[in-house]
């Protein structure tokens, strides 16, 4: 079965690990997201070296805010390379930093402003947007997407309430699930609710997983287990589930 990893941080792997991942014949493509300008540049290099690598450029929100100068440098670089990018991402809001009380109210407003700038770029360039937006951040992000009429939105490793899930489904937003689905009931329940035609699979590698994946390098091949779990939930054969998820991802990211 052909696999597309809808969300991976390939630039954070060691070179030998990257080669190991890309040598696997089942791995058709990797949507590798960026965390800052240096990450963008590294993913751009990987995409030039390996045809399977499809880069997304952006700024991950779970880190200190960039300075105005850094924001301008990043966006100027993205403008220069907009034809080379599969998507804007990873962008979003800093839920976990807020939980750790490392973000003030004023700073949070600045994160929202930065995200809105990325959403406007995605709209202007007609690019999909890969989002880090969970729990009570998700409704805010939905509001921004609605404000700018952006529909091609991908909420990776999503966690949130039922009302927000229904809003996302209605708006046509996509989600992706990690290998965590194999051992987490809440992710299985999310997949029960969400339409299959709006679901993708990801690893978020090199993020490590538990259960049967404990102490293993996160590899896209793990998504076979995710697809098997989705197939059982949706009462499909693994082959049909794999084919439909593959086509969802291929179409969403114009691969």
Protein backbone atom coordinates (compact mmCIF):
# COMPACT_ATOMS: atom_id res chain seq x y z
CA UNK A 1 0.00 0.00 0.00
CA UNK A 2 1.29 3.44 -0.93
CA UNK A 3 1.63 5.88 1.96
CA UNK A 4 1.71 9.67 2.17
CA UNK A 5 2.78 11.11 5.50
CA UNK A 6 0.60 14.22 5.79
CA UNK A 7 2.71 15.81 8.53
CA UNK A 8 6.33 15.07 9.41
CA UNK A 9 9.33 17.14 10.55
CA UNK A 10 11.81 15.47 8.24
CA UNK A 11 14.41 18.17 8.84
CA UNK A 12 14.67 17.03 12.47
CA UNK A 13 15.86 13.53 11.55
CA UNK A 14 19.49 12.53 11.12
CA UNK A 15 20.68 12.11 7.52
CA UNK A 16 20.91 8.31 7.78
CA UNK A 17 17.38 8.16 9.20
CA UNK A 18 16.10 10.32 6.33
CA UNK A 19 17.69 7.95 3.82
CA UNK A 20 16.16 4.96 5.61
CA UNK A 21 12.69 6.53 5.45
CA UNK A 22 12.99 7.54 1.80
CA UNK A 23 14.34 4.14 0.73
CA UNK A 24 11.04 2.51 1.71
CA UNK A 25 9.13 1.80 -1.51
CA UNK A 26 5.76 2.12 0.24
CA UNK A 27 6.45 5.77 1.11
CA UNK A 28 5.12 7.77 -1.84
CA UNK A 29 5.49 11.28 -0.40
CA UNK A 30 6.21 13.19 2.80
CA UNK A 31 4.62 16.54 3.63
CA UNK A 32 7.45 17.95 5.72
CA UNK A 33 6.51 21.02 7.76
CA UNK A 34 8.82 23.76 8.98
CA UNK A 35 9.24 25.42 12.36
CA UNK A 36 11.20 28.59 11.51
CA UNK A 37 13.33 30.09 8.72
CA UNK A 38 16.28 27.70 9.20
CA UNK A 39 13.86 24.78 9.19
CA UNK A 40 12.29 26.11 5.97
CA UNK A 41 15.72 26.28 4.33
CA UNK A 42 16.58 22.73 5.41
CA UNK A 43 13.27 21.35 4.11
CA UNK A 44 13.81 23.22 0.85
CA UNK A 45 17.21 21.52 0.51
CA UNK A 46 15.69 18.11 1.24
CA UNK A 47 12.97 18.68 -1.36
CA UNK A 48 15.61 19.53 -3.97
CA UNK A 49 17.53 16.37 -3.11
CA UNK A 50 14.61 13.93 -2.74
CA UNK A 51 11.57 14.04 -5.08
CA UNK A 52 9.35 12.40 -2.42
CA UNK A 53 9.77 15.39 -0.09
CA UNK A 54 7.03 18.03 -0.34
CA UNK A 55 7.88 21.02 1.86
CA UNK A 56 5.62 23.37 3.80
CA UNK A 57 7.02 26.67 5.06
CA UNK A 58 5.96 28.50 8.21
CA UNK A 59 6.58 29.15 11.90
CA UNK A 60 5.61 26.66 14.62
CA UNK A 61 3.71 28.46 17.41
CA UNK A 62 5.01 26.43 20.37
CA UNK A 63 8.10 28.62 20.70
CA UNK A 64 8.90 32.21 21.58
CA UNK A 65 7.50 34.82 19.22
CA UNK A 66 9.88 35.91 16.49
CA UNK A 67 10.93 39.55 16.35
CA UNK A 68 9.44 41.81 13.70
CA UNK A 69 12.70 41.57 11.76
CA UNK A 70 12.61 37.75 11.92
CA UNK A 71 8.99 37.69 10.73
CA UNK A 72 9.83 39.91 7.76
CA UNK A 73 12.85 37.74 6.86
CA UNK A 74 10.74 34.57 7.01
CA UNK A 75 7.86 35.97 4.96
CA UNK A 76 10.23 37.51 2.39
CA UNK A 77 11.88 34.09 2.03
CA UNK A 78 8.48 32.40 1.69
CA UNK A 79 7.46 34.89 -1.01
CA UNK A 80 10.66 34.08 -2.89
CA UNK A 81 9.97 30.34 -2.63
CA UNK A 82 6.18 30.22 -2.84
CA UNK A 83 6.30 28.13 -6.02
CA UNK A 84 8.46 25.54 -4.23
CA UNK A 85 6.08 24.97 -1.33
CA UNK A 86 3.27 22.44 -1.07
CA UNK A 87 1.63 24.35 1.77
CA UNK A 88 1.93 27.03 4.43
CA UNK A 89 2.85 25.31 7.67
CA UNK A 90 3.28 24.45 10.40
CA UNK A 91 1.46 27.46 11.81
CA UNK A 92 -1.10 27.97 14.56
CA UNK A 93 -1.47 28.97 18.20
CA UNK A 94 0.60 28.10 21.31
CA UNK A 95 -1.82 25.99 23.38
CA UNK A 96 0.86 24.08 25.30
CA UNK A 97 2.97 27.18 26.00
CA UNK A 98 -0.15 28.84 27.42
CA UNK A 99 -0.78 25.80 29.61
CA UNK A 100 2.72 26.27 30.99
CA UNK A 101 1.91 29.98 31.56
CA UNK A 102 4.74 31.08 29.29
CA UNK A 103 2.56 33.33 27.12
CA UNK A 104 0.95 36.58 28.31
CA UNK A 105 -2.41 37.82 27.02
CA UNK A 106 -0.66 40.47 24.91
CA UNK A 107 1.74 37.90 23.46
CA UNK A 108 -1.18 35.60 22.66
CA UNK A 109 -2.77 38.39 20.64
CA UNK A 110 0.51 38.67 18.72
CA UNK A 111 0.47 34.94 17.96
CA UNK A 112 -3.06 35.38 16.61
CA UNK A 113 -1.94 38.28 14.42
CA UNK A 114 0.97 36.23 13.08
CA UNK A 115 -1.31 33.30 12.31
CA UNK A 116 -3.73 35.60 10.51
CA UNK A 117 -0.85 36.84 8.34
CA UNK A 118 -0.03 33.24 7.38
CA UNK A 119 -3.71 32.52 6.64
CA UNK A 120 -3.82 35.55 4.35
CA UNK A 121 -0.71 34.31 2.52
CA UNK A 122 -2.25 30.85 2.07
CA UNK A 123 -5.37 32.48 0.66
CA UNK A 124 -3.40 34.80 -1.66
CA UNK A 125 -1.18 31.99 -2.96
CA UNK A 126 -4.00 29.42 -3.10
CA UNK A 127 -2.03 27.03 -0.88
CA UNK A 128 -3.28 24.53 1.73
CA UNK A 129 -2.47 25.45 5.33
CA UNK A 130 -1.13 22.97 7.91
CA UNK A 131 -2.29 23.92 11.39
CA UNK A 132 -1.30 23.36 14.99
CA UNK A 133 -4.62 24.26 16.65
CA UNK A 134 -5.98 22.14 19.50
CA UNK A 135 -8.57 22.39 22.29
CA UNK A 136 -9.74 25.96 22.95
CA UNK A 137 -7.39 27.42 20.32
CA UNK A 138 -9.26 25.60 17.55
CA UNK A 139 -12.43 27.77 17.55
CA UNK A 140 -10.27 30.90 17.27
CA UNK A 141 -8.46 29.40 14.28
CA UNK A 142 -11.78 28.36 12.71
CA UNK A 143 -12.93 31.96 13.06
CA UNK A 144 -9.84 33.27 11.26
CA UNK A 145 -10.22 30.72 8.45
CA UNK A 146 -13.88 31.66 8.05
CA UNK A 147 -13.03 35.38 8.08
CA UNK A 148 -10.69 34.93 5.11
CA UNK A 149 -12.78 32.22 3.37
CA UNK A 150 -9.98 29.66 3.57
CA UNK A 151 -11.35 26.14 3.20
CA UNK A 152 -8.23 24.09 2.43
CA UNK A 153 -7.20 23.77 6.07
CA UNK A 154 -5.52 20.77 7.70
CA UNK A 155 -5.70 20.44 11.50
CA UNK A 156 -2.92 17.98 12.31
CA UNK A 157 -3.13 15.68 15.38
CA UNK A 158 -6.40 17.39 16.29
CA UNK A 159 -7.91 17.38 19.76
CA UNK A 160 -11.01 19.40 20.63
CA UNK A 161 -14.65 19.48 21.68
CA UNK A 162 -17.63 18.09 19.77
CA UNK A 163 -18.99 21.51 18.79
CA UNK A 164 -15.68 22.48 17.17
CA UNK A 165 -15.42 19.11 15.44
CA UNK A 166 -18.86 19.63 13.89
CA UNK A 167 -17.87 23.13 12.78
CA UNK A 168 -14.71 21.79 11.15
CA UNK A 169 -16.60 19.03 9.34
CA UNK A 170 -19.18 21.53 8.07
CA UNK A 171 -16.41 23.81 6.77
CA UNK A 172 -14.70 20.96 4.95
CA UNK A 173 -11.51 21.07 7.02
CA UNK A 174 -9.28 18.00 7.12
CA UNK A 175 -7.72 16.28 10.11
CA UNK A 176 -4.86 13.78 10.30
CA UNK A 177 -4.25 11.16 12.95
CA UNK A 178 -0.96 9.80 14.25
CA UNK A 179 -0.08 6.22 15.28
CA UNK A 180 -1.53 7.23 18.66
CA UNK A 181 -4.92 6.09 17.29
CA UNK A 182 -3.82 2.49 17.88
CA UNK A 183 -3.86 2.94 21.69
CA UNK A 184 -5.89 6.10 22.42
CA UNK A 185 -9.69 5.86 22.71
CA UNK A 186 -10.22 9.61 22.23
CA UNK A 187 -8.57 9.52 18.80
CA UNK A 188 -10.61 6.47 17.82
CA UNK A 189 -13.78 8.33 18.83
CA UNK A 190 -12.70 11.34 16.75
CA UNK A 191 -12.31 9.09 13.69
CA UNK A 192 -15.72 7.54 14.38
CA UNK A 193 -17.25 11.02 14.11
CA UNK A 194 -15.17 12.50 11.29
CA UNK A 195 -16.01 11.65 7.64
CA UNK A 196 -13.40 9.41 6.02
CA UNK A 197 -13.16 11.74 3.02
CA UNK A 198 -11.73 14.43 5.34
CA UNK A 199 -9.16 12.21 7.11
CA UNK A 200 -5.43 11.79 6.46
CA UNK A 201 -2.67 10.00 8.38
CA UNK A 202 0.61 11.38 9.70
CA UNK A 203 3.48 10.59 12.02
CA UNK A 204 4.53 14.06 13.23
CA UNK A 205 7.93 12.36 13.31
CA UNK A 206 10.40 12.27 14.86
CA UNK A 207 7.90 12.59 17.75
CA UNK A 208 8.02 9.22 19.59
CA UNK A 209 4.98 7.05 20.30
CA UNK A 210 3.99 4.58 22.99
CA UNK A 211 2.20 1.22 22.94
CA UNK A 212 3.50 -1.05 20.15
CA UNK A 213 5.77 1.77 18.90
CA UNK A 214 7.60 2.31 22.18
CA UNK A 215 11.35 2.96 21.80
CA UNK A 216 11.13 2.75 17.99
CA UNK A 217 12.20 5.47 15.58
CA UNK A 218 9.06 7.09 14.21
CA UNK A 219 8.77 5.91 10.60
CA UNK A 220 5.93 6.49 8.10
CA UNK A 221 5.48 2.71 7.88
CA UNK A 222 3.78 3.02 11.30
CA UNK A 223 0.85 4.61 9.46
CA UNK A 224 -0.14 1.12 8.24
CA UNK A 225 -1.22 0.42 11.83
CA UNK A 226 -3.16 3.71 11.90
CA UNK A 227 -4.93 2.82 8.63
CA UNK A 228 -5.77 -0.65 9.94
CA UNK A 229 -7.40 0.95 12.99
CA UNK A 230 -9.32 3.45 10.84
CA UNK A 231 -10.51 0.60 8.58
CA UNK A 232 -11.97 -1.27 11.57
CA UNK A 233 -13.70 1.87 12.86
CA UNK A 234 -15.18 2.66 9.42
CA UNK A 235 -16.00 -1.00 8.67
CA UNK A 236 -13.82 -1.10 5.56
CA UNK A 237 -11.07 -3.37 4.31
CA UNK A 238 -7.59 -2.08 5.03
CA UNK A 239 -6.98 -1.84 1.27
CA UNK A 240 -10.02 0.38 0.69
CA UNK A 241 -9.24 2.58 3.70
CA UNK A 242 -5.63 2.96 2.54
CA UNK A 243 -6.62 3.86 -1.01
CA UNK A 244 -9.17 6.44 0.12
CA UNK A 245 -6.82 8.06 2.63
CA UNK A 246 -4.04 8.12 0.04
CA UNK A 247 -6.34 9.87 -2.44
CA UNK A 248 -7.55 12.33 0.23
CA UNK A 249 -3.96 13.39 0.91
CA UNK A 250 -2.84 13.43 -2.70
CA UNK A 251 -5.79 15.62 -3.68
CA UNK A 252 -5.62 17.93 -0.66
CA UNK A 253 -1.93 18.73 -1.17
CA UNK A 254 -2.05 18.65 -5.00
CA UNK A 255 0.68 15.97 -5.11
